[in-house]
Amino acid sequence: MKKIVLTMSLMAAMFFVSCDQNSADDEVQGGTSAYQTSLNSQAKLASNALVADCENPVSDSAVVTKALVGSSGDYCVWNTTTKTIGSVSVQFEGMYGSGIRPLTSGWYVGVVETTATCSTWDSWKGSIAVKNDTGATSNVGTSPACTSVIIPENVVSADGLVGTLNFGLGYYTYASQAFSITKKIVIWKDTDSSLTWPTDYSDPTAATVSEAYLIEVTSIVPTFGTPPFYGTVSYTYTKVL
């Protein structure tokens, strides 16, 4: 399995640690020139997001800032950033923006192996692990549970248990001061209006799917220095249906 390992600074080793470090909590408002530069780059990338078929993958990035108080390892103290992929709004949230959640009604999320390539939907829809699957081994987990909107269902971030938190099905692991991206992400539109979105289970092998995208996160980069701290998630996506 292909793994993309991104080495982080010593500070980033605190990524998932629940602690009360003053260095993370006692943040003050300061200059944000680096953050603004990232936003400008993000806007330029977004302007290219016109075509996303298998021959024309789109590259983009999302920048997510942390609140001025709270530990960097707390999912719930990070702000959110919304991007558009095809006709769906996707929210980047949580630590360094690594949580990815479809915001448009009727859209669901799962993961596939990193070896999956942009092909026909029918050729690999059966290989999708669905986040909302509550079968013999539930993929949902219990985190994040920040608000009535930021819930464990229909979002992918870290895979499985991290410390005392259970994120369920995800697309990366974190250990030894590094991210390892172990899955690609799939989002799809289920046309069944009887499903209670976003908590119902959408079976990609049986559903009537009108649109779907394969997303590959290529890097998750935390940035420290003058607050606000922020993370940049870079990714590519292609339309597979």
Protein backbone atom coordinates (compact mmCIF):
# COMPACT_ATOMS: atom_id res chain seq x y z
CA MET A 1 0.00 0.00 0.00
CA LYS A 2 1.37 3.34 -0.97
CA LYS A 3 1.92 5.67 1.97
CA ILE A 4 2.65 9.34 1.81
CA VAL A 5 4.62 10.28 4.89
CA LEU A 6 4.98 13.91 5.77
CA THR A 7 7.56 14.74 8.45
CA MET A 8 6.38 17.27 11.00
CA SER A 9 8.12 19.52 13.50
CA LEU A 10 8.43 18.55 17.16
CA MET A 11 5.47 20.80 17.96
CA ALA A 12 3.33 18.90 15.53
CA ALA A 13 3.96 15.76 17.58
CA MET A 14 1.29 17.12 19.93
CA PHE A 15 -1.27 16.69 17.10
CA PHE A 16 -3.66 14.39 18.92
CA VAL A 17 -2.45 14.80 22.49
CA SER A 18 -5.07 16.10 24.92
CA CYS A 19 -3.00 18.32 27.13
CA ASP A 20 -3.07 21.77 28.66
CA GLN A 21 0.15 23.15 27.31
CA ASN A 22 0.39 26.88 27.84
CA SER A 23 2.33 27.17 24.59
CA ALA A 24 -0.79 26.02 22.72
CA ASP A 25 -3.31 27.81 24.91
CA ASP A 26 -1.74 31.21 25.48
CA GLU A 27 -1.98 32.42 21.90
CA VAL A 28 -2.27 36.09 21.03
CA GLN A 29 -3.50 37.88 17.93
CA GLY A 30 -0.66 38.64 15.57
CA GLY A 31 0.36 39.08 11.96
CA THR A 32 -1.13 36.70 9.40
CA SER A 33 0.87 37.39 6.28
CA ALA A 34 1.80 33.73 5.76
CA TYR A 35 -1.83 32.74 6.18
CA GLN A 36 -2.98 35.37 3.69
CA THR A 37 -0.42 34.12 1.18
CA SER A 38 -1.87 30.64 1.50
CA LEU A 39 -5.37 31.99 0.98
CA ASN A 40 -4.28 33.77 -2.17
CA SER A 41 -2.74 30.56 -3.51
CA GLN A 42 -5.92 28.71 -2.65
CA ALA A 43 -8.00 31.20 -4.62
CA LYS A 44 -5.78 30.76 -7.68
CA LEU A 45 -6.13 26.99 -7.51
CA ALA A 46 -9.89 27.23 -7.16
CA SER A 47 -10.12 29.29 -10.35
CA ASN A 48 -8.80 26.25 -12.25
CA ALA A 49 -11.52 23.91 -10.92
CA LEU A 50 -13.55 23.83 -14.12
CA VAL A 51 -13.03 20.28 -15.36
CA ALA A 52 -12.45 17.18 -13.27
CA ASP A 53 -12.73 14.09 -15.44
CA CYS A 54 -10.18 11.28 -15.51
CA GLU A 55 -8.03 13.07 -18.08
CA ASN A 56 -8.24 16.39 -16.23
CA PRO A 57 -7.71 16.00 -12.49
CA VAL A 58 -8.07 19.19 -10.48
CA SER A 59 -5.59 20.19 -7.79
CA ASP A 60 -6.67 22.43 -4.95
CA SER A 61 -6.00 23.14 -1.29
CA ALA A 62 -7.88 24.24 1.81
CA VAL A 63 -6.51 26.40 4.61
CA VAL A 64 -8.06 26.01 8.07
CA THR A 65 -7.15 28.17 11.07
CA LYS A 66 -7.23 27.30 14.75
CA ALA A 67 -9.04 29.39 17.35
CA LEU A 68 -6.76 31.63 19.40
CA VAL A 69 -7.36 29.55 22.52
CA GLY A 70 -7.38 25.80 23.07
CA SER A 71 -5.00 22.92 22.44
CA SER A 72 -4.02 22.22 18.84
CA GLY A 73 -4.94 18.59 19.43
CA ASP A 74 -8.59 19.47 20.09
CA TYR A 75 -10.71 18.83 16.97
CA CYS A 76 -13.35 21.27 18.17
CA VAL A 77 -11.20 24.40 18.44
CA TRP A 78 -10.41 24.48 14.74
CA ASN A 79 -12.42 26.65 12.36
CA THR A 80 -13.90 25.33 9.11
CA THR A 81 -13.30 26.06 5.43
CA THR A 82 -15.76 25.17 2.66
CA LYS A 83 -14.65 24.19 -0.84
CA THR A 84 -16.64 23.16 -3.92
CA ILE A 85 -16.04 19.88 -5.72
CA GLY A 86 -18.33 19.51 -8.69
CA SER A 87 -21.80 20.34 -7.40
CA VAL A 88 -21.07 19.47 -3.76
CA SER A 89 -19.84 21.67 -0.92
CA VAL A 90 -17.14 19.98 1.14
CA GLN A 91 -16.09 21.17 4.57
CA PHE A 92 -12.53 20.91 5.87
CA GLU A 93 -12.50 20.87 9.68
CA GLY A 94 -10.70 19.62 12.77
CA MET A 95 -6.96 19.40 13.39
CA TYR A 96 -5.13 21.22 10.60
CA GLY A 97 -8.23 20.89 8.39
CA SER A 98 -7.77 17.14 8.00
CA GLY A 99 -11.45 16.27 8.54
CA ILE A 100 -13.38 16.16 5.24
CA ARG A 101 -17.19 16.31 5.28
CA PRO A 102 -19.75 16.66 2.42
CA LEU A 103 -22.12 19.52 3.30
CA THR A 104 -24.59 19.19 0.43
CA SER A 105 -27.69 17.15 1.19
CA GLY A 106 -27.68 13.64 -0.26
CA TRP A 107 -23.90 13.31 -0.51
CA TYR A 108 -22.05 10.54 1.34
CA VAL A 109 -18.41 9.67 1.93
CA GLY A 110 -16.21 6.60 2.13
CA VAL A 111 -12.70 5.44 1.33
CA VAL A 112 -10.93 3.12 -1.10
CA GLU A 113 -7.38 1.81 -1.35
CA THR A 114 -4.70 4.18 -2.60
CA THR A 115 -4.27 1.92 -5.64
CA ALA A 116 -7.75 2.93 -6.89
CA THR A 117 -7.58 5.01 -10.05
CA CYS A 118 -10.09 7.14 -11.87
CA SER A 119 -12.15 4.68 -13.87
CA THR A 120 -15.81 3.88 -14.31
CA TRP A 121 -17.98 3.99 -11.20
CA ASP A 122 -19.18 0.45 -11.76
CA SER A 123 -15.63 -0.90 -11.90
CA TRP A 124 -14.83 -0.17 -8.25
CA LYS A 125 -17.95 0.97 -6.41
CA GLY A 126 -17.97 -2.40 -4.64
CA SER A 127 -14.60 -1.66 -3.03
CA ILE A 128 -15.80 1.47 -1.18
CA ALA A 129 -15.86 1.31 2.62
CA VAL A 130 -18.72 3.60 3.69
CA LYS A 131 -18.27 5.82 6.72
CA ASN A 132 -21.92 5.46 7.81
CA ASP A 133 -21.81 1.67 7.76
CA THR A 134 -22.97 0.39 11.16
CA GLY A 135 -22.65 -3.30 10.35
CA ALA A 136 -20.81 -5.92 12.40
CA THR A 137 -17.90 -3.52 12.83
CA SER A 138 -19.20 0.05 12.85
CA ASN A 139 -17.26 2.50 10.70
CA VAL A 140 -18.74 5.55 12.43
CA GLY A 141 -16.81 5.84 15.68
CA THR A 142 -17.64 8.36 18.39
CA SER A 143 -15.53 11.36 17.37
CA PRO A 144 -15.78 14.13 16.44
CA ALA A 145 -18.79 15.21 18.48
CA CYS A 146 -18.42 18.96 18.68
CA THR A 147 -21.84 20.35 17.74
CA SER A 148 -25.12 19.27 16.17
CA VAL A 149 -23.41 19.74 12.80
CA ILE A 150 -19.90 18.43 13.47
CA ILE A 151 -20.88 14.84 14.23
CA PRO A 152 -19.15 11.45 13.83
CA GLU A 153 -21.23 10.44 10.80
CA ASN A 154 -20.35 11.21 7.17
CA VAL A 155 -16.86 12.61 7.76
CA VAL A 156 -13.40 11.10 7.30
CA SER A 157 -10.24 12.11 9.13
CA ALA A 158 -7.94 9.96 11.27
CA ASP A 159 -8.46 6.23 10.96
CA GLY A 160 -9.61 4.39 14.06
CA LEU A 161 -8.42 4.95 17.62
CA VAL A 162 -6.09 7.80 18.45
CA GLY A 163 -5.46 7.94 22.17
CA THR A 164 -8.87 7.86 23.84
CA LEU A 165 -10.71 9.08 20.73
CA ASN A 166 -12.39 6.79 18.20
CA PHE A 167 -12.69 8.40 14.78
CA GLY A 168 -13.95 5.27 13.06
CA LEU A 169 -13.21 4.91 9.35
CA GLY A 170 -10.68 7.44 8.09
CA TYR A 171 -8.05 8.05 5.43
CA TYR A 172 -4.82 8.57 7.38
CA THR A 173 -2.95 7.46 10.49
CA TYR A 174 -0.72 9.53 12.73
CA ALA A 175 2.28 8.18 14.59
CA SER A 176 5.93 8.99 15.26
CA GLN A 177 5.48 12.67 14.39
CA ALA A 178 4.19 11.91 10.89
CA PHE A 179 1.02 11.54 8.86
CA SER A 180 0.58 8.42 6.77
CA ILE A 181 -2.14 8.76 4.17
CA THR A 182 -3.44 5.24 3.66
CA LYS A 183 -6.66 5.66 1.66
CA LYS A 184 -8.28 7.74 -1.05
CA ILE A 185 -11.67 9.33 -0.46
CA VAL A 186 -14.87 8.88 -2.46
CA ILE A 187 -17.93 11.12 -2.27
CA TRP A 188 -21.15 10.34 -4.11
CA LYS A 189 -24.67 11.67 -4.58
CA ASP A 190 -27.41 9.18 -3.64
CA THR A 191 -30.70 10.18 -5.27
CA ASP A 192 -32.81 8.25 -2.75
CA SER A 193 -34.75 11.03 -1.01
CA SER A 194 -36.04 8.62 1.66
CA LEU A 195 -32.61 8.48 3.30
CA THR A 196 -32.13 10.64 6.36
CA TRP A 197 -29.06 12.64 5.49
CA PRO A 198 -26.35 12.78 6.75
CA THR A 199 -26.70 9.85 9.16
CA ASP A 200 -28.21 7.11 6.95
CA TYR A 201 -26.20 4.44 5.19
CA SER A 202 -25.89 4.81 1.41
CA ASP A 203 -24.81 1.55 -0.26
CA PRO A 204 -22.82 2.55 -3.36
CA THR A 205 -23.34 -0.90 -4.92
CA ALA A 206 -27.13 -0.59 -4.82
CA ALA A 207 -27.81 3.14 -4.82
CA THR A 208 -28.80 5.23 -7.79
CA VAL A 209 -25.78 7.51 -7.92
CA SER A 210 -25.87 10.61 -10.08
CA GLU A 211 -22.42 12.06 -9.42
CA ALA A 212 -19.25 10.82 -7.71
CA TYR A 213 -15.67 12.01 -7.14
CA LEU A 214 -12.41 10.34 -6.22
CA ILE A 215 -10.29 12.53 -3.94
CA GLU A 216 -6.62 12.02 -3.09
CA VAL A 217 -5.15 14.06 -0.24
CA THR A 218 -1.51 14.65 -1.12
CA SER A 219 -0.36 16.54 1.99
CA ILE A 220 -1.46 17.84 5.38
CA VAL A 221 0.88 20.62 6.48
CA PRO A 222 0.61 22.29 9.90
CA THR A 223 2.01 25.80 10.28
CA PHE A 224 3.10 27.28 13.60
CA GLY A 225 4.53 30.67 14.45
CA THR A 226 2.63 33.90 14.97
CA PRO A 227 -1.02 32.98 15.66
CA PRO A 228 -3.41 32.03 14.30
CA PHE A 229 -1.95 28.56 13.72
CA TYR A 230 -3.28 26.90 10.57
CA GLY A 231 -3.15 23.80 8.44
CA THR A 232 -3.07 23.39 4.67
CA VAL A 233 -4.63 20.31 3.10
CA SER A 234 -3.65 19.77 -0.54
CA TYR A 235 -5.63 17.36 -2.70
CA THR A 236 -6.60 16.36 -6.22
CA TYR A 237 -9.96 15.11 -7.42
CA THR A 238 -11.52 13.55 -10.48
CA LYS A 239 -15.10 12.93 -11.48
CA VAL A 240 -15.86 9.25 -11.92
CA LEU A 241 -19.58 9.52 -12.70
